[in-house]
Amino acid sequence: MPGVSATVITLNEAANIQGCLASLAWADEVIVVDSGSTDGTAALARVAGARVIVRDWPGYAAQKDFAASQATHDWILSVDADERVTPELAAEIRRLLDQSSDRVGYRVPRITFHLGRWIRHTDWYPDYQLRLYDRRQASWAKRLVHESITARGPVGQLSHDLQHYAYCDLNHHYETMQRYTTLAASQMASEGRTAGLFSVLFHPPAAFLRNYVLRAGFLDGMPGLIISAMNAHYVFLKFAKLWALQVAPQGVKKD
């Protein structure tokens, strides 16, 4: 059976790293690439048995590709520090890799815990992520945000969930949205996309209807309503910031 190298990139993840690495104890190797944490993340990872490399931050995709390049094995499982691999998912990965297949990667359904419950609807679930891949046939696409793997071959799909503890509370959720929408707007601008009245006025309510009605966010109760509204606000911020870049691309600040 091919060996599996699990990789994690970190920056100040002391609150998460021990739980994450404990869920990866079954892997043949665990590599943590840290970007200069000041909260003891690297030390905690070493104590947990991971091989730790400290390296300056070059961007999400570049850091994840670097982590994969340092692995002993070609099959890579890329996990974020706020994610957990359940025993069921670990067993499924082992079973699949023990079989002969032409697959060069596998998408994993990801489920998020937020506002006191697992969110099983809206855009957040099943939220398939290509995280298990053969590094000889796949690599991370260079994007500023929402980075993803580009596979050069057929991709399969796993059935057990990857658990995601994305946010501590609503404030953390909103702060993350602010950071990601800025990156998303910059990414869209670099691709030549533009935003106007239609984008800012119509895309956000369409996002709310998709999340809350079409993807049954209402079945998640009040958390489903809040997440649907937050997802719509994410879309609003993304296009509003893209429009702002068009108006003042240099970001000049007034005194």
C-alpha atoms as a PDB file:
ATOM      1  CA  MET A   1       0.000   0.000   0.000  1.00  0.00           C
ATOM      2  CA  PRO A   2       1.349   3.482  -0.824  1.00  0.00           C
ATOM      3  CA  GLY A   3       2.427   5.540   2.151  1.00  0.00           C
ATOM      4  CA  VAL A   4       0.533   8.722   3.021  1.00  0.00           C
ATOM      5  CA  SER A   5       2.191  11.987   4.013  1.00  0.00           C
ATOM      6  CA  ALA A   6      -0.120  14.412   5.800  1.00  0.00           C
ATOM      7  CA  THR A   7       0.781  18.096   5.452  1.00  0.00           C
ATOM      8  CA  VAL A   8      -0.398  21.082   7.493  1.00  0.00           C
ATOM      9  CA  ILE A   9       0.529  24.750   7.009  1.00  0.00           C
ATOM     10  CA  THR A  10       0.313  26.936  10.108  1.00  0.00           C
ATOM     11  CA  LEU A  11       0.573  30.423  11.539  1.00  0.00           C
ATOM     12  CA  ASN A  12      -0.345  30.908  15.202  1.00  0.00           C
ATOM     13  CA  GLU A  13      -2.494  27.783  15.434  1.00  0.00           C
ATOM     14  CA  ALA A  14      -1.666  26.764  19.008  1.00  0.00           C
ATOM     15  CA  ALA A  15      -5.364  26.409  19.809  1.00  0.00           C
ATOM     16  CA  ASN A  16      -5.890  23.941  16.949  1.00  0.00           C
ATOM     17  CA  ILE A  17      -2.671  22.133  16.128  1.00  0.00           C
ATOM     18  CA  GLN A  18      -2.765  19.421  18.804  1.00  0.00           C
ATOM     19  CA  GLY A  19      -6.269  18.285  17.883  1.00  0.00           C
ATOM     20  CA  CYS A  20      -5.396  18.343  14.208  1.00  0.00           C
ATOM     21  CA  LEU A  21      -2.218  16.301  14.602  1.00  0.00           C
ATOM     22  CA  ALA A  22      -3.892  13.806  16.909  1.00  0.00           C
ATOM     23  CA  SER A  23      -6.368  13.104  14.110  1.00  0.00           C
ATOM     24  CA  LEU A  24      -3.431  12.427  11.755  1.00  0.00           C
ATOM     25  CA  ALA A  25      -1.607   9.942  13.991  1.00  0.00           C
ATOM     26  CA  TRP A  26      -2.480   7.122  11.567  1.00  0.00           C
ATOM     27  CA  ALA A  27      -0.559   8.727   8.651  1.00  0.00           C
ATOM     28  CA  ASP A  28       2.890   7.430   7.720  1.00  0.00           C
ATOM     29  CA  GLU A  29       4.336  10.909   8.081  1.00  0.00           C
ATOM     30  CA  VAL A  30       3.127  14.331   9.230  1.00  0.00           C
ATOM     31  CA  ILE A  31       4.791  17.534   8.025  1.00  0.00           C
ATOM     32  CA  VAL A  32       3.999  20.967   9.443  1.00  0.00           C
ATOM     33  CA  VAL A  33       5.213  24.031   7.566  1.00  0.00           C
ATOM     34  CA  ASP A  34       5.007  27.004   9.909  1.00  0.00           C
ATOM     35  CA  SER A  35       5.220  30.644   8.822  1.00  0.00           C
ATOM     36  CA  GLY A  36       6.828  32.016  11.972  1.00  0.00           C
ATOM     37  CA  SER A  37       4.223  31.490  14.670  1.00  0.00           C
ATOM     38  CA  THR A  38       4.694  33.434  17.908  1.00  0.00           C
ATOM     39  CA  ASP A  39       2.297  31.347  20.022  1.00  0.00           C
ATOM     40  CA  GLY A  40       4.281  28.119  20.283  1.00  0.00           C
ATOM     41  CA  THR A  41       2.600  26.316  17.379  1.00  0.00           C
ATOM     42  CA  ALA A  42       5.877  24.889  16.035  1.00  0.00           C
ATOM     43  CA  ALA A  43       6.940  23.581  19.448  1.00  0.00           C
ATOM     44  CA  LEU A  44       3.565  21.927  20.025  1.00  0.00           C
ATOM     45  CA  ALA A  45       3.770  20.282  16.592  1.00  0.00           C
ATOM     46  CA  ARG A  46       7.227  18.874  17.353  1.00  0.00           C
ATOM     47  CA  VAL A  47       6.030  17.469  20.668  1.00  0.00           C
ATOM     48  CA  ALA A  48       3.167  15.796  18.786  1.00  0.00           C
ATOM     49  CA  GLY A  49       5.703  14.034  16.547  1.00  0.00           C
ATOM     50  CA  ALA A  50       5.392  16.094  13.360  1.00  0.00           C
ATOM     51  CA  ARG A  51       8.363  17.111  11.240  1.00  0.00           C
ATOM     52  CA  VAL A  52       8.340  20.900  11.433  1.00  0.00           C
ATOM     53  CA  ILE A  53       9.782  23.287   8.858  1.00  0.00           C
ATOM     54  CA  VAL A  54       9.743  27.033   9.513  1.00  0.00           C
ATOM     55  CA  ARG A  55       9.503  29.075   6.337  1.00  0.00           C
ATOM     56  CA  ASP A  56       8.433  32.596   5.355  1.00  0.00           C
ATOM     57  CA  TRP A  57       4.916  32.971   3.962  1.00  0.00           C
ATOM     58  CA  PRO A  58       4.794  32.922   0.126  1.00  0.00           C
ATOM     59  CA  GLY A  59       0.997  32.495  -0.211  1.00  0.00           C
ATOM     60  CA  TYR A  60      -1.439  29.645   0.423  1.00  0.00           C
ATOM     61  CA  ALA A  61      -0.857  27.595  -2.725  1.00  0.00           C
ATOM     62  CA  ALA A  62       2.930  28.025  -2.770  1.00  0.00           C
ATOM     63  CA  GLN A  63       3.215  27.028   0.890  1.00  0.00           C
ATOM     64  CA  LYS A  64       1.074  23.923   0.367  1.00  0.00           C
ATOM     65  CA  ASP A  65       3.070  22.910  -2.706  1.00  0.00           C
ATOM     66  CA  PHE A  66       6.281  23.357  -0.713  1.00  0.00           C
ATOM     67  CA  ALA A  67       4.915  21.155   2.064  1.00  0.00           C
ATOM     68  CA  ALA A  68       4.110  18.440  -0.475  1.00  0.00           C
ATOM     69  CA  SER A  69       7.602  18.713  -1.990  1.00  0.00           C
ATOM     70  CA  GLN A  70       9.134  17.920   1.415  1.00  0.00           C
ATOM     71  CA  ALA A  71       7.145  14.721   1.868  1.00  0.00           C
ATOM     72  CA  THR A  72       8.653  11.250   1.782  1.00  0.00           C
ATOM     73  CA  HIS A  73       5.606   9.723   0.073  1.00  0.00           C
ATOM     74  CA  ASP A  74       3.884  10.717  -3.165  1.00  0.00           C
ATOM     75  CA  TRP A  75       0.349  10.477  -1.797  1.00  0.00           C
ATOM     76  CA  ILE A  76      -0.394  13.675   0.085  1.00  0.00           C
ATOM     77  CA  LEU A  77      -3.257  14.443   2.442  1.00  0.00           C
ATOM     78  CA  SER A  78      -3.419  18.221   2.881  1.00  0.00           C
ATOM     79  CA  VAL A  79      -5.246  19.289   6.042  1.00  0.00           C
ATOM     80  CA  ASP A  80      -5.701  22.713   7.620  1.00  0.00           C
ATOM     81  CA  ALA A  81      -5.017  23.168  11.327  1.00  0.00           C
ATOM     82  CA  ASP A  82      -8.710  23.738  12.060  1.00  0.00           C
ATOM     83  CA  GLU A  83      -9.699  20.437  10.427  1.00  0.00           C
ATOM     84  CA  ARG A  84      -9.908  16.909  11.820  1.00  0.00           C
ATOM     85  CA  VAL A  85      -9.693  13.520  10.087  1.00  0.00           C
ATOM     86  CA  THR A  86     -12.123  11.097  11.695  1.00  0.00           C
ATOM     87  CA  PRO A  87     -11.161   7.442  12.202  1.00  0.00           C
ATOM     88  CA  GLU A  88     -13.779   6.521   9.577  1.00  0.00           C
ATOM     89  CA  LEU A  89     -12.221   8.836   6.999  1.00  0.00           C
ATOM     90  CA  ALA A  90      -8.727   7.566   7.811  1.00  0.00           C
ATOM     91  CA  ALA A  91      -9.871   3.961   7.336  1.00  0.00           C
ATOM     92  CA  GLU A  92     -11.539   4.850   4.032  1.00  0.00           C
ATOM     93  CA  ILE A  93      -8.325   6.475   2.760  1.00  0.00           C
ATOM     94  CA  ARG A  94      -6.256   3.436   3.735  1.00  0.00           C
ATOM     95  CA  ARG A  95      -8.736   1.092   2.085  1.00  0.00           C
ATOM     96  CA  LEU A  96      -8.829   3.058  -1.163  1.00  0.00           C
ATOM     97  CA  LEU A  97      -5.064   3.352  -1.488  1.00  0.00           C
ATOM     98  CA  ASP A  98      -4.736  -0.369  -0.887  1.00  0.00           C
ATOM     99  CA  GLN A  99      -6.691  -0.941  -4.088  1.00  0.00           C
ATOM    100  CA  SER A 100      -5.384  -0.568  -7.625  1.00  0.00           C
ATOM    101  CA  SER A 101      -6.890   2.524  -9.248  1.00  0.00           C
ATOM    102  CA  ASP A 102      -6.233   5.072 -11.993  1.00  0.00           C
ATOM    103  CA  ARG A 103      -7.342   7.927  -9.691  1.00  0.00           C
ATOM    104  CA  VAL A 104      -4.779  10.668  -9.067  1.00  0.00           C
ATOM    105  CA  GLY A 105      -6.769  12.323  -6.303  1.00  0.00           C
ATOM    106  CA  TYR A 106      -9.903  12.191  -4.170  1.00  0.00           C
ATOM    107  CA  ARG A 107     -12.390  14.840  -3.083  1.00  0.00           C
ATOM    108  CA  VAL A 108     -13.478  14.777   0.538  1.00  0.00           C
ATOM    109  CA  PRO A 109     -16.840  16.068   1.840  1.00  0.00           C
ATOM    110  CA  ARG A 110     -16.177  18.692   4.514  1.00  0.00           C
ATOM    111  CA  ILE A 111     -18.602  19.478   7.317  1.00  0.00           C
ATOM    112  CA  THR A 112     -18.287  22.624   9.451  1.00  0.00           C
ATOM    113  CA  PHE A 113     -19.140  23.089  13.122  1.00  0.00           C
ATOM    114  CA  HIS A 114     -20.432  26.592  13.801  1.00  0.00           C
ATOM    115  CA  LEU A 115     -22.897  28.309  16.121  1.00  0.00           C
ATOM    116  CA  GLY A 116     -23.260  25.185  18.242  1.00  0.00           C
ATOM    117  CA  ARG A 117     -24.007  22.587  15.572  1.00  0.00           C
ATOM    118  CA  TRP A 118     -22.764  20.758  12.499  1.00  0.00           C
ATOM    119  CA  ILE A 119     -23.992  22.621   9.408  1.00  0.00           C
ATOM    120  CA  ARG A 120     -25.464  20.129   6.945  1.00  0.00           C
ATOM    121  CA  HIS A 121     -26.954  22.514   4.383  1.00  0.00           C
ATOM    122  CA  THR A 122     -26.245  25.842   2.605  1.00  0.00           C
ATOM    123  CA  ASP A 123     -23.102  26.182   0.480  1.00  0.00           C
ATOM    124  CA  TRP A 124     -21.148  24.797   3.416  1.00  0.00           C
ATOM    125  CA  TYR A 125     -22.102  21.146   2.931  1.00  0.00           C
ATOM    126  CA  PRO A 126     -20.969  18.843   1.489  1.00  0.00           C
ATOM    127  CA  ASP A 127     -18.299  21.379   0.374  1.00  0.00           C
ATOM    128  CA  TYR A 128     -16.157  18.808  -1.459  1.00  0.00           C
ATOM    129  CA  GLN A 129     -12.417  19.507  -1.218  1.00  0.00           C
ATOM    130  CA  LEU A 130      -9.709  17.768  -3.255  1.00  0.00           C
ATOM    131  CA  ARG A 131      -7.273  17.076  -0.424  1.00  0.00           C
ATOM    132  CA  LEU A 132      -5.912  13.580  -1.060  1.00  0.00           C
ATOM    133  CA  TYR A 133      -3.725  13.515  -4.162  1.00  0.00           C
ATOM    134  CA  ASP A 134      -0.678  12.055  -5.889  1.00  0.00           C
ATOM    135  CA  ARG A 135       1.824  14.915  -6.034  1.00  0.00           C
ATOM    136  CA  ARG A 136       3.252  13.507  -9.269  1.00  0.00           C
ATOM    137  CA  GLN A 137      -0.092  14.164 -10.980  1.00  0.00           C
ATOM    138  CA  ALA A 138      -1.529  17.153  -9.117  1.00  0.00           C
ATOM    139  CA  SER A 139      -0.530  20.508  -7.643  1.00  0.00           C
ATOM    140  CA  TRP A 140      -2.051  23.602  -6.070  1.00  0.00           C
ATOM    141  CA  ALA A 141      -3.389  26.274  -8.431  1.00  0.00           C
ATOM    142  CA  LYS A 142      -1.792  29.634  -7.706  1.00  0.00           C
ATOM    143  CA  ARG A 143      -4.612  31.766  -6.285  1.00  0.00           C
ATOM    144  CA  LEU A 144      -4.681  34.399  -3.552  1.00  0.00           C
ATOM    145  CA  VAL A 145      -7.648  32.795  -1.772  1.00  0.00           C
ATOM    146  CA  HIS A 146      -9.752  29.620  -1.935  1.00  0.00           C
ATOM    147  CA  GLU A 147      -6.793  27.771  -3.366  1.00  0.00           C
ATOM    148  CA  SER A 148      -7.517  24.392  -4.944  1.00  0.00           C
ATOM    149  CA  ILE A 149      -5.695  21.438  -6.466  1.00  0.00           C
ATOM    150  CA  THR A 150      -5.427  20.955 -10.210  1.00  0.00           C
ATOM    151  CA  ALA A 151      -5.297  17.244 -11.040  1.00  0.00           C
ATOM    152  CA  ARG A 152      -3.907  15.834 -14.285  1.00  0.00           C
ATOM    153  CA  GLY A 153      -6.037  12.699 -14.309  1.00  0.00           C
ATOM    154  CA  PRO A 154      -9.298  11.193 -13.002  1.00  0.00           C
ATOM    155  CA  VAL A 155     -10.447  12.150  -9.519  1.00  0.00           C
ATOM    156  CA  GLY A 156     -12.536  10.034  -7.154  1.00  0.00           C
ATOM    157  CA  GLN A 157     -14.771  10.939  -4.233  1.00  0.00           C
ATOM    158  CA  LEU A 158     -14.699   9.855  -0.601  1.00  0.00           C
ATOM    159  CA  SER A 159     -17.810   9.348   1.499  1.00  0.00           C
ATOM    160  CA  HIS A 160     -16.717  10.173   5.070  1.00  0.00           C
ATOM    161  CA  ASP A 161     -16.554  13.768   6.257  1.00  0.00           C
ATOM    162  CA  LEU A 162     -13.540  15.904   7.023  1.00  0.00           C
ATOM    163  CA  GLN A 163     -14.492  17.909  10.110  1.00  0.00           C
ATOM    164  CA  HIS A 164     -13.929  21.665  10.036  1.00  0.00           C
ATOM    165  CA  TYR A 165     -13.868  23.955  13.078  1.00  0.00           C
ATOM    166  CA  ALA A 166     -13.640  27.167  11.098  1.00  0.00           C
ATOM    167  CA  TYR A 167     -14.727  29.876  13.529  1.00  0.00           C
ATOM    168  CA  CYS A 168     -14.709  30.532  17.269  1.00  0.00           C
ATOM    169  CA  ASP A 169     -17.752  32.814  17.061  1.00  0.00           C
ATOM    170  CA  LEU A 170     -19.499  35.309  14.778  1.00  0.00           C
ATOM    171  CA  ASN A 171     -16.802  37.943  15.309  1.00  0.00           C
ATOM    172  CA  HIS A 172     -14.157  35.487  14.103  1.00  0.00           C
ATOM    173  CA  HIS A 173     -16.394  34.591  11.158  1.00  0.00           C
ATOM    174  CA  TYR A 174     -16.779  38.247  10.172  1.00  0.00           C
ATOM    175  CA  GLU A 175     -13.063  39.024  10.568  1.00  0.00           C
ATOM    176  CA  THR A 176     -12.204  36.083   8.314  1.00  0.00           C
ATOM    177  CA  MET A 177     -14.743  37.267   5.735  1.00  0.00           C
ATOM    178  CA  GLN A 178     -13.129  40.709   5.682  1.00  0.00           C
ATOM    179  CA  ARG A 179      -9.702  39.227   4.993  1.00  0.00           C
ATOM    180  CA  TYR A 180     -10.873  36.711   2.398  1.00  0.00           C
ATOM    181  CA  THR A 181     -13.084  39.152   0.466  1.00  0.00           C
ATOM    182  CA  THR A 182     -10.126  41.508   0.112  1.00  0.00           C
ATOM    183  CA  LEU A 183      -8.051  38.683  -1.334  1.00  0.00           C
ATOM    184  CA  ALA A 184     -10.942  37.516  -3.538  1.00  0.00           C
ATOM    185  CA  ALA A 185     -11.431  41.010  -4.957  1.00  0.00           C
ATOM    186  CA  SER A 186      -7.708  41.268  -5.739  1.00  0.00           C
ATOM    187  CA  GLN A 187      -7.802  37.850  -7.398  1.00  0.00           C
ATOM    188  CA  MET A 188     -10.774  38.820  -9.582  1.00  0.00           C
ATOM    189  CA  ALA A 189      -9.123  42.122 -10.527  1.00  0.00           C
ATOM    190  CA  SER A 190      -5.956  40.272 -11.572  1.00  0.00           C
ATOM    191  CA  GLU A 191      -8.117  38.078 -13.822  1.00  0.00           C
ATOM    192  CA  GLY A 192      -9.616  41.147 -15.519  1.00  0.00           C
ATOM    193  CA  ARG A 193     -13.054  40.848 -13.936  1.00  0.00           C
ATOM    194  CA  THR A 194     -15.097  43.945 -13.161  1.00  0.00           C
ATOM    195  CA  ALA A 195     -18.021  44.817 -10.907  1.00  0.00           C
ATOM    196  CA  GLY A 196     -20.908  47.183 -11.502  1.00  0.00           C
ATOM    197  CA  LEU A 197     -24.376  47.930 -10.205  1.00  0.00           C
ATOM    198  CA  PHE A 198     -25.761  44.526 -11.226  1.00  0.00           C
ATOM    199  CA  SER A 199     -23.002  42.607  -9.420  1.00  0.00           C
ATOM    200  CA  VAL A 200     -23.347  44.534  -6.163  1.00  0.00           C
ATOM    201  CA  LEU A 201     -27.147  44.737  -6.201  1.00  0.00           C
ATOM    202  CA  PHE A 202     -28.251  41.301  -7.453  1.00  0.00           C
ATOM    203  CA  HIS A 203     -25.549  38.731  -6.636  1.00  0.00           C
ATOM    204  CA  PRO A 204     -25.899  39.018  -2.816  1.00  0.00           C
ATOM    205  CA  PRO A 205     -29.678  38.330  -2.644  1.00  0.00           C
ATOM    206  CA  ALA A 206     -29.216  35.538  -5.193  1.00  0.00           C
ATOM    207  CA  ALA A 207     -26.584  34.023  -2.909  1.00  0.00           C
ATOM    208  CA  PHE A 208     -28.968  34.216   0.056  1.00  0.00           C
ATOM    209  CA  LEU A 209     -31.771  32.475  -1.862  1.00  0.00           C
ATOM    210  CA  ARG A 210     -29.389  29.770  -3.060  1.00  0.00           C
ATOM    211  CA  ASN A 211     -28.098  29.108   0.462  1.00  0.00           C
ATOM    212  CA  TYR A 212     -31.303  29.409   2.451  1.00  0.00           C
ATOM    213  CA  VAL A 213     -33.883  28.027   0.011  1.00  0.00           C
ATOM    214  CA  LEU A 214     -32.293  25.996  -2.789  1.00  0.00           C
ATOM    215  CA  ARG A 215     -29.674  24.426  -0.530  1.00  0.00           C
ATOM    216  CA  ALA A 216     -32.068  24.111   2.392  1.00  0.00           C
ATOM    217  CA  GLY A 217     -30.289  26.324   4.906  1.00  0.00           C
ATOM    218  CA  PHE A 218     -33.639  26.676   6.679  1.00  0.00           C
ATOM    219  CA  LEU A 219     -33.249  23.076   7.866  1.00  0.00           C
ATOM    220  CA  ASP A 220     -30.284  24.183   9.996  1.00  0.00           C
ATOM    221  CA  GLY A 221     -32.499  26.521  12.022  1.00  0.00           C
ATOM    222  CA  MET A 222     -31.197  29.886  13.176  1.00  0.00           C
ATOM    223  CA  PRO A 223     -27.561  28.978  12.351  1.00  0.00           C
ATOM    224  CA  GLY A 224     -28.697  28.221   8.774  1.00  0.00           C
ATOM    225  CA  LEU A 225     -30.340  31.636   8.506  1.00  0.00           C
ATOM    226  CA  ILE A 226     -27.303  33.443   9.900  1.00  0.00           C
ATOM    227  CA  ILE A 227     -24.861  31.557   7.668  1.00  0.00           C
ATOM    228  CA  SER A 228     -27.008  32.187   4.585  1.00  0.00           C
ATOM    229  CA  ALA A 229     -27.037  35.915   5.403  1.00  0.00           C
ATOM    230  CA  MET A 230     -23.294  35.923   6.069  1.00  0.00           C
ATOM    231  CA  ASN A 231     -22.626  34.125   2.787  1.00  0.00           C
ATOM    232  CA  ALA A 232     -24.689  36.764   0.976  1.00  0.00           C
ATOM    233  CA  HIS A 233     -22.751  39.512   2.751  1.00  0.00           C
ATOM    234  CA  TYR A 234     -19.518  37.814   1.688  1.00  0.00           C
ATOM    235  CA  VAL A 235     -20.634  38.116  -1.932  1.00  0.00           C
ATOM    236  CA  PHE A 236     -21.588  41.766  -1.392  1.00  0.00           C
ATOM    237  CA  LEU A 237     -18.192  42.608   0.132  1.00  0.00           C
ATOM    238  CA  LYS A 238     -16.309  40.771  -2.599  1.00  0.00           C
ATOM    239  CA  PHE A 239     -17.966  42.680  -5.435  1.00  0.00           C
ATOM    240  CA  ALA A 240     -18.000  45.992  -3.544  1.00  0.00           C
ATOM    241  CA  LYS A 241     -14.251  45.705  -2.961  1.00  0.00           C
ATOM    242  CA  LEU A 242     -13.697  44.770  -6.608  1.00  0.00           C
ATOM    243  CA  TRP A 243     -15.646  47.883  -7.661  1.00  0.00           C
ATOM    244  CA  ALA A 244     -13.577  49.979  -5.239  1.00  0.00           C
ATOM    245  CA  LEU A 245     -10.379  48.684  -6.852  1.00  0.00           C
ATOM    246  CA  GLN A 246     -11.675  49.868 -10.217  1.00  0.00           C
ATOM    247  CA  VAL A 247     -12.400  53.334  -8.849  1.00  0.00           C
ATOM    248  CA  ALA A 248      -9.165  53.709  -6.876  1.00  0.00           C
ATOM    249  CA  PRO A 249      -6.805  50.932  -8.032  1.00  0.00           C
ATOM    250  CA  GLN A 250      -3.818  52.396  -6.190  1.00  0.00           C
ATOM    251  CA  GLY A 251      -5.634  52.432  -2.866  1.00  0.00           C
ATOM    252  CA  VAL A 252      -4.661  56.057  -2.160  1.00  0.00           C
ATOM    253  CA  LYS A 253      -5.724  57.177   1.297  1.00  0.00           C
ATOM    254  CA  LYS A 254      -6.815  60.709   2.087  1.00  0.00           C
ATOM    255  CA  ASP A 255      -5.159  62.494   5.018  1.00  0.00           C
END
